[in-house]
Protein backbone atom coordinates (compact mmCIF):
# COMPACT_ATOMS: atom_id res chain seq x y z
CA MET A 1 -25.03 46.40 42.49
CA SER A 2 -28.13 45.80 44.44
CA LEU A 3 -28.00 45.24 48.40
CA ARG A 4 -29.44 41.86 47.57
CA LYS A 5 -26.74 40.71 45.42
CA ASN A 6 -24.29 42.46 47.31
CA GLY A 7 -25.49 40.44 50.23
CA LEU A 8 -25.34 37.30 48.54
CA LEU A 9 -21.87 37.62 47.57
CA LEU A 10 -20.95 38.60 51.49
CA ALA A 11 -22.68 35.59 52.58
CA SER A 12 -20.81 33.49 50.10
CA TRP A 13 -17.53 35.02 51.11
CA ARG A 14 -18.55 34.13 54.78
CA ALA A 15 -19.08 30.37 53.83
CA ARG A 16 -15.73 29.85 51.81
CA HIS A 17 -13.91 31.69 54.99
CA PHE A 18 -15.36 29.78 57.41
CA ALA A 19 -14.95 26.64 55.65
CA ALA A 20 -11.32 27.48 55.16
CA THR A 21 -10.95 28.45 58.87
CA VAL A 22 -12.44 24.85 59.90
CA ALA A 23 -10.28 23.17 57.25
CA LEU A 24 -7.12 24.61 58.35
CA GLY A 25 -8.28 23.64 61.90
CA ALA A 26 -8.74 20.03 61.15
CA SER A 27 -5.43 20.04 59.31
CA LEU A 28 -3.50 21.20 62.11
CA LEU A 29 -5.31 18.54 64.24
CA ALA A 30 -4.45 15.62 61.98
CA GLY A 31 -0.97 16.95 62.09
CA ALA A 32 -0.44 16.90 65.67
CA SER A 33 -2.08 13.74 65.73
CA ALA A 34 0.51 12.40 63.17
CA SER A 35 3.24 13.83 65.14
CA ALA A 36 2.18 12.47 68.57
CA ALA A 37 4.69 9.23 67.88
CA SER A 38 7.81 10.20 70.23
CA LEU A 39 11.10 8.49 71.25
CA THR A 40 10.01 7.70 75.00
CA GLN A 41 11.85 5.88 77.77
CA VAL A 42 10.39 2.71 79.06
CA THR A 43 10.26 3.08 82.83
CA ALA A 44 8.49 -0.48 83.24
CA ALA A 45 10.66 -3.70 84.34
CA TRP A 46 12.21 -4.16 81.06
CA ASN A 47 14.84 -6.57 82.30
CA GLY A 48 12.86 -9.68 83.09
CA GLY A 49 14.01 -9.51 86.71
CA THR A 50 17.67 -10.02 85.92
CA THR A 51 20.51 -7.97 87.17
CA GLU A 52 21.60 -6.20 84.14
CA PRO A 53 24.14 -3.27 84.23
CA SER A 54 22.23 -0.39 85.96
CA TYR A 55 23.86 2.22 83.77
CA ILE A 56 21.90 1.28 81.07
CA SER A 57 18.28 2.63 80.05
CA MET A 58 15.54 1.69 77.65
CA TYR A 59 13.87 4.14 74.82
CA GLU A 60 11.35 2.93 72.23
CA TYR A 61 10.02 4.42 69.06
CA VAL A 62 6.43 3.04 68.58
CA PRO A 63 5.00 4.50 65.40
CA ASN A 64 1.26 5.56 65.53
CA THR A 65 0.17 2.79 63.10
CA VAL A 66 2.07 -0.49 64.09
CA ALA A 67 2.39 -3.44 61.66
CA THR A 68 0.55 -6.73 62.58
CA ASN A 69 3.30 -8.63 64.46
CA PRO A 70 5.86 -6.19 63.79
CA PRO A 71 9.86 -6.40 63.46
CA ILE A 72 12.27 -4.74 65.74
CA LEU A 73 15.00 -2.65 64.86
CA VAL A 74 17.63 -1.96 67.51
CA VAL A 75 19.43 1.36 67.34
CA VAL A 76 22.80 1.83 69.11
CA HIS A 77 24.47 5.05 69.72
CA TYR A 78 28.19 5.76 69.51
CA CYS A 79 30.58 6.34 72.53
CA GLY A 80 29.50 9.59 74.62
CA GLY A 81 26.07 9.47 72.62
CA SER A 82 22.61 9.42 73.86
CA ALA A 83 19.37 7.56 72.57
CA SER A 84 18.08 11.23 71.30
CA GLY A 85 21.46 11.76 69.38
CA ILE A 86 21.09 8.68 67.30
CA PHE A 87 17.45 9.32 66.93
CA GLY A 88 18.52 12.23 65.21
CA GLU A 89 20.88 10.52 62.61
CA ALA A 90 18.39 7.63 62.20
CA GLN A 91 15.70 10.59 61.43
CA GLY A 92 18.47 12.20 59.01
CA GLY A 93 18.77 8.87 57.27
CA ASN A 94 14.98 8.41 56.99
CA ILE A 95 14.98 5.39 59.08
CA ILE A 96 12.33 7.12 61.33
CA SER A 97 10.15 7.84 58.16
CA ALA A 98 10.43 4.30 57.47
CA ALA A 99 9.29 3.13 60.80
CA ASP A 100 6.41 5.42 60.24
CA SER A 101 5.28 4.25 57.10
CA GLU A 102 6.16 0.31 57.48
CA GLY A 103 5.29 -0.11 61.22
CA PHE A 104 7.70 -1.60 62.55
CA ILE A 105 8.89 -0.78 66.13
CA MET A 106 12.56 0.65 67.06
CA ILE A 107 14.54 0.11 70.78
CA PHE A 108 17.11 2.73 71.53
CA PRO A 109 19.37 1.56 74.27
CA GLN A 110 20.91 4.23 76.13
CA LEU A 111 24.49 4.32 78.54
CA ALA A 112 24.27 6.99 81.43
CA SER A 113 26.64 9.87 81.40
CA SER A 114 28.88 7.95 83.60
CA ARG A 115 29.72 5.51 80.75
CA ASN A 116 31.63 6.23 77.55
CA CYS A 117 31.42 3.17 75.23
CA TRP A 118 29.08 -0.22 74.94
CA ASP A 119 31.19 -2.74 76.92
CA VAL A 120 31.96 -5.29 73.76
CA ALA A 121 34.90 -6.52 75.45
CA THR A 122 34.46 -8.38 78.78
CA THR A 123 33.61 -11.83 79.24
CA ALA A 124 29.98 -10.99 80.33
CA SER A 125 29.02 -9.12 77.43
CA LEU A 126 30.55 -11.58 75.05
CA THR A 127 29.19 -15.09 76.53
CA HIS A 128 25.76 -15.96 75.57
CA ALA A 129 23.31 -15.98 78.26
CA THR A 130 19.58 -17.12 78.59
CA GLY A 131 16.54 -16.74 80.62
CA THR A 132 17.05 -14.84 83.93
CA GLN A 133 20.92 -15.60 83.58
CA SER A 134 22.61 -12.18 84.35
CA GLY A 135 24.98 -10.93 81.53
CA GLY A 136 26.64 -7.77 80.52
CA ASP A 137 25.72 -4.83 77.80
CA THR A 138 24.59 -7.44 75.21
CA LYS A 139 22.15 -9.29 77.37
CA ALA A 140 20.48 -6.06 78.51
CA ILE A 141 19.59 -5.22 75.03
CA VAL A 142 18.35 -8.50 74.58
CA ASP A 143 16.05 -8.17 77.48
CA MET A 144 14.71 -4.76 75.48
CA VAL A 145 14.04 -7.14 72.82
CA ASN A 146 12.13 -9.64 74.68
CA TYR A 147 10.24 -6.83 76.61
CA GLU A 148 8.80 -5.75 72.91
CA ILE A 149 7.87 -9.28 71.95
CA SER A 150 6.15 -9.79 75.26
CA THR A 151 4.14 -6.51 75.71
CA ARG A 152 3.51 -5.33 72.30
CA HIS A 153 3.38 -8.74 70.16
CA ALA A 154 6.43 -7.99 68.32
CA ASN A 155 7.64 -10.83 65.89
CA ALA A 156 10.63 -12.82 67.58
CA ASN A 157 11.59 -13.91 64.18
CA ARG A 158 12.26 -10.70 62.86
CA VAL A 159 14.87 -8.52 65.23
CA TYR A 160 17.61 -6.71 63.73
CA SER A 161 20.24 -4.08 65.06
CA ILE A 162 22.09 -0.84 63.48
CA GLY A 163 24.57 1.38 64.87
CA SER A 164 27.40 3.89 64.56
CA SER A 165 30.73 3.38 65.72
CA SER A 166 30.64 1.99 69.47
CA GLY A 167 27.21 1.13 68.51
CA ALA A 168 28.65 -0.66 65.51
CA MET A 169 30.71 -2.76 67.70
CA MET A 170 27.66 -3.57 69.65
CA THR A 171 25.91 -4.79 66.35
CA GLU A 172 28.73 -6.87 65.59
CA ALA A 173 28.83 -8.56 69.28
CA LEU A 174 24.84 -8.98 69.40
CA LEU A 175 24.81 -10.89 66.05
CA ALA A 176 27.95 -13.06 67.44
CA VAL A 177 26.63 -13.55 70.80
CA TYR A 178 23.05 -14.06 70.27
CA PRO A 179 22.45 -15.49 66.64
CA ASP A 180 19.53 -17.12 68.09
CA VAL A 181 17.98 -13.80 68.61
CA PHE A 182 18.90 -11.47 65.84
CA LYS A 183 18.53 -12.18 62.07
CA GLY A 184 20.67 -9.53 60.74
CA GLY A 185 22.28 -5.88 61.29
CA ALA A 186 24.05 -3.41 59.74
CA GLU A 187 27.05 -1.20 61.20
CA PHE A 188 28.99 1.84 60.48
CA SER A 189 32.79 1.95 61.44
CA GLY A 190 32.80 -1.03 63.72
CA VAL A 191 35.33 -3.55 64.75
CA PRO A 192 35.16 -7.67 64.41
CA ALA A 193 33.33 -9.27 67.50
CA GLY A 194 35.53 -9.97 70.08
CA CYS A 195 38.51 -7.33 68.83
CA TRP A 196 37.82 -5.07 71.46
CA SER A 197 39.01 -7.26 74.27
CA ASP A 198 42.52 -6.35 73.49
CA GLN A 199 44.10 -4.37 76.17
CA TYR A 200 40.70 -3.27 77.22
CA ALA A 201 40.66 -0.29 79.65
CA THR A 202 37.66 -0.32 81.92
CA SER A 203 38.54 3.23 83.03
CA ASN A 204 36.94 4.36 79.72
CA GLN A 205 35.81 1.18 77.57
CA TRP A 206 38.28 1.52 74.99
CA SER A 207 40.95 -0.36 73.33
CA GLY A 208 43.89 1.24 71.97
CA PRO A 209 45.34 -1.67 69.78
CA CYS A 210 41.66 -2.83 68.13
CA ALA A 211 40.93 0.90 67.35
CA GLY A 212 44.41 1.28 66.02
CA GLY A 213 44.16 -1.72 63.41
CA THR A 214 46.89 -3.88 65.31
CA ASN A 215 44.79 -6.69 66.45
CA THR A 216 44.71 -8.91 63.22
CA MET A 217 44.32 -12.84 63.00
CA THR A 218 43.06 -15.48 60.52
CA ALA A 219 39.80 -16.06 59.32
CA ALA A 220 39.89 -19.51 60.95
CA ALA A 221 41.03 -17.83 64.57
CA TRP A 222 38.32 -15.06 64.07
CA GLY A 223 35.89 -17.71 63.50
CA ALA A 224 36.80 -19.84 66.55
CA LEU A 225 36.40 -16.55 68.66
CA VAL A 226 32.70 -15.95 67.66
CA ARG A 227 31.90 -19.92 68.00
CA GLY A 228 33.21 -19.85 71.50
CA MET A 229 31.15 -16.70 72.65
CA TYR A 230 28.16 -19.72 72.26
CA PRO A 231 29.92 -23.14 72.22
CA SER A 232 26.33 -25.00 72.24
CA TYR A 233 25.23 -23.26 69.18
CA PRO A 234 24.75 -26.10 66.46
CA ALA A 235 27.39 -25.75 63.83
CA ASN A 236 25.20 -25.41 61.16
CA GLY A 237 22.55 -23.37 63.08
CA PHE A 238 21.10 -19.97 61.48
CA ARG A 239 23.82 -17.40 61.40
CA PRO A 240 22.63 -13.56 60.91
CA ARG A 241 23.41 -11.71 57.97
CA ILE A 242 25.76 -8.41 58.31
CA GLN A 243 26.24 -5.17 56.48
CA LEU A 244 29.72 -3.50 57.19
CA TRP A 245 30.32 0.05 56.20
CA HIS A 246 33.92 1.62 56.60
CA GLY A 247 35.71 4.58 55.29
CA THR A 248 39.50 4.12 54.06
CA ALA A 249 40.37 7.49 55.66
CA ASP A 250 39.17 6.49 59.25
CA THR A 251 41.56 7.77 61.77
CA THR A 252 39.30 6.94 64.92
CA ILE A 253 38.50 3.22 64.08
CA SER A 254 41.38 1.74 61.82
CA PRO A 255 40.08 0.58 58.08
CA THR A 256 42.03 -2.48 58.97
CA ASN A 257 38.96 -3.65 61.10
CA GLN A 258 36.89 -3.81 58.11
CA THR A 259 38.91 -6.52 56.34
CA GLN A 260 39.35 -8.31 59.63
CA ALA A 261 35.73 -8.11 60.05
CA ILE A 262 35.24 -9.67 56.46
CA LEU A 263 37.67 -12.60 57.42
CA GLU A 264 35.62 -13.13 60.71
CA TRP A 265 32.39 -13.32 59.33
CA THR A 266 33.11 -15.43 55.94
CA ASN A 267 34.69 -17.97 58.26
CA VAL A 268 31.64 -17.84 60.91
CA MET A 269 29.17 -18.05 57.65
CA GLY A 270 31.18 -20.84 56.01
CA LEU A 271 31.62 -18.27 52.83
CA PRO A 272 34.28 -18.35 50.41
CA THR A 273 37.27 -16.10 50.33
CA ASN A 274 36.47 -14.15 47.46
CA PRO A 275 33.01 -12.30 47.05
CA THR A 276 30.12 -13.31 44.69
CA THR A 277 30.28 -9.76 43.24
CA THR A 278 32.39 -6.65 43.44
CA THR A 279 31.15 -3.32 41.97
CA THR A 280 31.50 0.33 42.52
CA VAL A 281 28.59 2.40 44.12
CA THR A 282 28.21 6.47 44.02
CA ILE A 283 26.23 7.63 46.65
CA SER A 284 25.62 11.21 47.30
CA GLY A 285 28.77 11.98 44.96
CA HIS A 286 30.96 9.38 47.35
CA SER A 287 32.37 5.96 45.72
CA TYR A 288 32.09 3.15 47.42
CA MET A 289 33.57 -0.65 46.64
CA ARG A 290 30.54 -2.90 47.54
CA GLN A 291 31.64 -6.86 48.09
CA GLN A 292 28.64 -9.05 48.34
CA TRP A 293 28.66 -12.88 49.19
CA THR A 294 25.40 -14.64 48.54
CA ASP A 295 24.32 -17.33 50.83
CA PRO A 296 25.42 -20.76 49.69
CA THR A 297 21.90 -22.38 49.97
CA CYS A 298 20.15 -19.29 48.92
CA SER A 299 21.55 -17.28 45.52
CA SER A 300 18.83 -14.60 46.39
CA ILE A 301 20.06 -13.71 49.75
CA THR A 302 23.20 -11.63 50.30
CA GLN A 303 24.69 -12.74 53.49
CA LEU A 304 27.77 -10.44 53.79
CA ASP A 305 27.61 -6.92 52.40
CA ALA A 306 30.55 -5.14 53.04
CA TRP A 307 30.85 -1.40 51.87
CA THR A 308 34.37 0.54 51.87
CA GLU A 309 34.11 4.28 50.97
CA SER A 310 37.36 6.02 49.37
CA ASN A 311 38.54 8.45 51.27
CA GLY A 312 35.58 8.07 53.64
CA PRO A 313 35.68 9.47 57.22
CA HIS A 314 34.88 7.65 60.64
CA GLY A 315 31.13 6.80 60.33
CA THR A 316 31.59 7.23 56.34
CA ASP A 317 29.40 9.71 54.44
CA ALA A 318 26.35 7.46 54.23
CA ASN A 319 26.18 6.99 57.98
CA MET A 320 23.10 5.72 59.52
CA ASN A 321 21.43 5.90 56.20
CA GLY A 322 18.72 3.31 55.82
CA GLN A 323 18.85 3.62 51.72
CA TYR A 324 20.45 0.31 51.50
CA SER A 325 20.27 -0.89 55.08
CA LEU A 326 16.90 -1.30 55.34
CA PRO A 327 16.11 -3.48 52.17
CA PHE A 328 19.30 -5.60 53.54
CA MET A 329 17.17 -6.14 56.38
CA ASN A 330 13.98 -6.46 54.65
CA LEU A 331 12.60 -3.77 56.56
CA ASP A 332 11.89 -1.49 53.45
CA LYS A 333 8.01 -2.85 52.61
CA THR A 334 4.89 -4.34 54.26
CA PRO A 335 3.40 -6.78 54.31
CA PHE A 336 6.43 -8.32 56.34
CA ALA A 337 6.93 -11.96 55.99
CA ALA A 338 6.41 -13.91 59.44
CA THR A 339 9.70 -15.57 59.14
CA ASP A 340 13.35 -13.78 58.14
CA PRO A 341 13.74 -14.50 54.29
CA GLN A 342 16.88 -15.97 54.84
CA ALA A 343 16.11 -18.08 57.77
CA ALA A 344 13.13 -19.13 55.59
CA CYS A 345 15.28 -19.95 52.54
CA GLY A 346 16.54 -23.38 53.50
CA SER A 347 17.88 -22.94 56.86
CA GLY A 348 16.64 -25.08 59.48
CA SER A 349 15.04 -27.87 57.04
CA THR A 350 15.59 -31.59 58.33
CA GLY A 351 17.71 -34.00 56.24
CA SER A 352 16.18 -37.10 54.77
CA GLY A 353 16.83 -40.28 55.75
CA GLY A 354 18.50 -43.18 54.01
CA THR A 355 16.22 -45.77 52.26
CA THR A 356 15.99 -49.36 53.25
CA GLY A 357 18.78 -51.80 51.72
CA SER A 358 17.00 -54.77 50.06
CA ALA A 359 17.92 -58.30 51.30
CA GLY A 360 20.03 -60.71 49.54
CA THR A 361 18.20 -63.75 47.83
CA THR A 362 18.46 -67.18 48.90
CA GLY A 363 21.24 -69.51 47.69
CA SER A 364 19.98 -72.39 45.59
CA ALA A 365 20.91 -75.91 46.59
CA GLY A 366 23.28 -78.03 44.38
CA THR A 367 26.08 -80.16 44.14
CA THR A 368 28.01 -77.48 45.46
CA GLY A 369 25.35 -75.34 47.00
CA SER A 370 25.70 -71.42 45.33
CA ALA A 371 25.76 -68.80 47.99
CA GLY A 372 23.32 -66.14 48.45
CA THR A 373 23.57 -62.57 46.52
CA THR A 374 24.83 -60.04 48.97
CA GLY A 375 22.04 -57.54 50.10
CA SER A 376 22.47 -53.94 48.36
CA ALA A 377 23.20 -50.95 50.78
CA GLY A 378 20.72 -48.37 51.72
CA ALA A 379 21.21 -44.68 50.08
CA THR A 380 22.83 -42.13 52.13
CA GLY A 381 20.10 -39.67 53.60
CA SER A 382 21.08 -36.05 53.00
CA GLY A 383 21.30 -33.62 55.96
CA GLY A 384 19.61 -30.32 55.72
CA LYS A 385 21.23 -27.11 56.64
CA GLY A 386 20.81 -26.34 60.38
CA GLY A 387 18.24 -29.53 60.32
CA THR A 388 18.56 -32.82 61.84
CA THR A 389 20.80 -35.75 60.75
CA GLY A 390 19.24 -38.35 58.05
CA SER A 391 18.69 -41.79 59.21
CA GLY A 392 20.94 -44.24 56.96
CA GLY A 393 19.16 -47.00 55.24
CA ARG A 394 20.45 -50.78 56.57
CA GLY A 395 20.53 -53.74 54.03
CA ALA A 396 19.11 -57.33 55.44
CA GLY A 397 21.38 -59.97 55.06
CA GLY A 398 21.33 -62.70 52.49
CA VAL A 399 20.01 -66.28 53.61
CA THR A 400 22.58 -69.15 53.24
CA GLY A 401 22.25 -71.49 50.36
CA SER A 402 21.52 -74.95 51.49
CA GLY A 403 24.03 -77.94 50.58
CA GLY A 404 23.02 -80.31 47.98
CA THR A 405 24.60 -84.06 47.72
CA SER A 406 27.09 -85.29 45.42
CA SER A 407 28.81 -88.49 44.58
CA THR A 408 31.36 -87.90 47.22
CA GLY A 409 28.59 -87.55 49.68
CA THR A 410 29.74 -84.28 50.96
CA GLY A 411 27.38 -81.33 50.73
CA GLY A 412 28.38 -78.36 48.71
CA THR A 413 28.58 -75.58 51.34
CA SER A 414 27.00 -72.11 50.59
CA SER A 415 28.33 -68.98 51.21
CA THR A 416 26.18 -66.86 53.53
CA GLY A 417 24.86 -63.49 51.83
CA SER A 418 26.32 -60.44 53.35
CA GLY A 419 24.21 -57.70 54.73
CA GLY A 420 23.51 -54.51 52.98
CA ASN A 421 25.77 -51.63 54.11
CA THR A 422 24.37 -49.30 56.32
CA GLY A 423 23.44 -45.84 54.67
CA SER A 424 25.17 -42.67 56.36
CA GLY A 425 22.74 -39.91 57.21
CA GLY A 426 23.91 -36.38 56.77
CA THR A 427 25.84 -35.89 59.59
CA THR A 428 26.29 -32.72 61.63
CA VAL A 429 29.88 -31.74 62.96
CA THR A 430 29.97 -30.09 66.06
CA GLY A 431 31.90 -26.74 65.60
CA SER A 432 34.75 -26.55 68.65
CA GLY A 433 34.83 -23.17 70.19
CA GLY A 434 38.28 -21.30 69.87
CA ASN A 435 39.86 -20.89 73.10
CA ASN A 436 39.78 -17.64 74.78
CA SER A 437 43.15 -16.22 75.46
CA SER A 438 44.13 -14.15 78.19
CA GLY A 439 42.88 -10.64 79.50
CA SER A 440 39.64 -9.35 81.08
CA GLY A 441 37.64 -9.79 78.10
CA GLY A 442 39.18 -13.28 77.45
CA ASN A 443 38.44 -13.37 73.86
CA THR A 444 41.38 -11.99 71.96
CA GLY A 445 45.22 -12.50 71.43
CA SER A 446 47.18 -10.28 73.68
CA GLY A 447 44.72 -8.33 75.61
CA GLY A 448 44.21 -7.93 79.34
CA ASP A 449 42.81 -5.51 81.20
CA THR A 450 46.55 -3.30 81.34
CA GLY A 451 46.19 -0.92 78.24
CA THR A 452 45.75 2.85 78.61
CA GLY A 453 43.02 4.04 76.36
CA THR A 454 43.94 5.79 73.35
CA GLY A 455 41.77 8.74 71.91
CA GLY A 456 37.94 8.34 71.49
CA ASP A 457 36.20 8.76 68.35
CA SER A 458 35.95 12.38 67.08
CA GLY A 459 32.00 13.17 67.17
CA ALA A 460 32.16 15.48 64.05
CA GLY A 461 29.45 14.85 61.11
CA SER A 462 28.63 11.05 61.93
CA GLY A 463 28.14 11.50 65.48
CA GLY A 464 31.31 9.71 66.10
CA ASP A 465 32.87 9.25 69.30
CA THR A 466 34.64 11.68 71.02
CA GLY A 467 38.23 10.76 72.22
CA THR A 468 40.35 11.20 75.26
CA GLY A 469 44.35 11.22 76.17
CA THR A 470 46.32 8.75 77.44
CA GLY A 471 45.28 7.18 80.59
CA GLY A 472 41.94 6.31 79.59
CA SER A 473 39.85 8.94 81.42
CA THR A 474 36.27 9.17 80.32
CA GLN A 475 35.91 11.63 77.47
CA THR A 476 33.37 14.44 77.41
CA PRO A 477 30.87 13.59 74.93
CA ALA A 478 30.29 15.91 72.40
CA ALA A 479 27.21 17.50 71.29
CA ALA A 480 25.37 14.69 69.37
CA PRO A 481 23.65 15.79 66.17
CA GLY A 482 20.05 15.65 65.27
CA CYS A 483 17.13 16.44 67.77
CA ALA A 484 15.87 15.00 70.85
CA CYS A 485 12.81 14.79 69.30
CA ASP A 486 10.77 14.20 72.24
CA VAL A 487 7.13 15.70 71.43
CA GLY A 488 5.43 16.25 74.53
CA SER A 489 2.62 18.92 73.74
CA ALA A 490 -0.85 17.42 73.79
CA PRO A 491 -2.10 16.30 70.35
CA GLY A 492 -4.29 19.20 68.73
CA GLY A 493 -4.24 22.06 71.44
CA ASN A 494 -2.81 24.75 69.17
CA ALA A 495 -4.90 23.85 66.31
CA PHE A 496 -8.15 23.89 68.49
CA VAL A 497 -7.21 27.55 69.59
CA LEU A 498 -6.81 28.58 66.08
CA LEU A 499 -10.07 27.17 65.04
CA LEU A 500 -11.69 29.25 67.74
CA ALA A 501 -9.67 32.41 66.55
CA GLY A 502 -10.69 31.85 63.08
CA ILE A 503 -14.63 31.57 64.01
CA PHE A 504 -14.27 34.86 66.22
CA VAL A 505 -12.86 36.45 63.03
CA VAL A 506 -15.85 35.46 60.69
CA MET A 507 -18.61 36.75 63.46
CA SER A 508 -16.58 40.05 63.91
CA ARG A 509 -16.53 40.71 60.16
CA ARG A 510 -20.18 39.67 60.05
CA ARG A 511 -21.45 41.99 62.65
CA ARG A 512 -19.18 45.12 60.95
CA THR A 513 -20.93 44.07 57.53
CA GLU A 514 -24.27 44.03 59.02
CA ARG A 515 -23.63 47.71 60.28
CA SER A 516 -22.48 48.80 57.15
CA PRO A 517 -23.41 47.00 54.17
CA HIS A 518 -21.52 48.56 51.53
CA ALA A 519 -18.39 47.98 53.25
């Protein structure tokens, strides 16, 4: 081979090697940029000037590419958990990757280590508050939502919540207390809203009767309890849909709470006792009974979606899995609708008014003067769901017939035409809130702040809560699965070093080759 040909081949090799080095460096730079999104604490005044509990902090996850007017998904951790711990579980359930691909914003509330579980029991947390009114743990999370709406232009009409164990309880509470803020949610091993007030122990935020499944009521009683949390909310106002997950072998939060939650939400949503469909679904080898109730006004919308895993553990084996939860909340594909599909489907429309009744005709004169006919009633206006009442039609009165003369000289009297009946509009009925019973939470049967806390949730597998013994002392949290996933390195730093190293290798070999052309 000639020196010229050998030199050409060497030059070609140099060019290819240099190009590959540059490409590798560019790839690493791109990878560093793609991983720039991280779980970040919000240190700004997110509570809007209100005096929410000081033991709560806010974390957020904002993907690199955010959708226009993005939805918000609140992700709530378990007892003894943390924002980073539940972030890891959401990551394992492909929820974080969905946020990256679809562009919705995520909020991760976090309790201080001095607290065990979320407060879903006291009157402060189970009473609707607005504006700068102070509230409990639920209001603090609503403040976080409002912060994202005001600072990141998030969509106030597309707000959802998902959580595990204590976070599941919080999800149910948020949907019950703030139906004007949330459009839906999914919970794994929670309890009915208000159940946790029964013998609530402030020492470790635990309710033994509720966790053990002994707090049972009728559907009407559960529904009255929820309506009492926001008494002024319209009886036919929008109610967010919910997805319930529970395992039948859950020894931390009794599966009885699944059946009680179904009673509660069917009553609150005005759904029939029996589901629209019941099917069996297998997920990763585990069997689930799925019961679905469709929205009465929108058959295409599932309003209540209950999943019960046969012999499933606390949290179920599908804990924090977005496979079914994200489509349920319509967060699985873009472009996102400006309004939640359920809210846009028949809810909030205005009922039409009744038509005007026609007037009765005038009675004709005669020997005995015939009466005018009766005006017909206006038709009844039909009220829309969540809309205003239709106004009734009103019939005009018939005119009195004039009397004629007769041989006896007495005028025939005529009857007066009666007015059309008033058309009745679609009426709205004000829902009466159930009275809160005694107890610190003031929301369920027998509970006051007297019971000692029983064991907390076990943290195995699903990031469940870790329990304490009798006496209600605060439990020591188990190590949460998943990673903290705080990416703190500057994007592209390592890739730049590698790029320079590759160029150095190329130039070194060039010098050696030029000294020894046959190498």
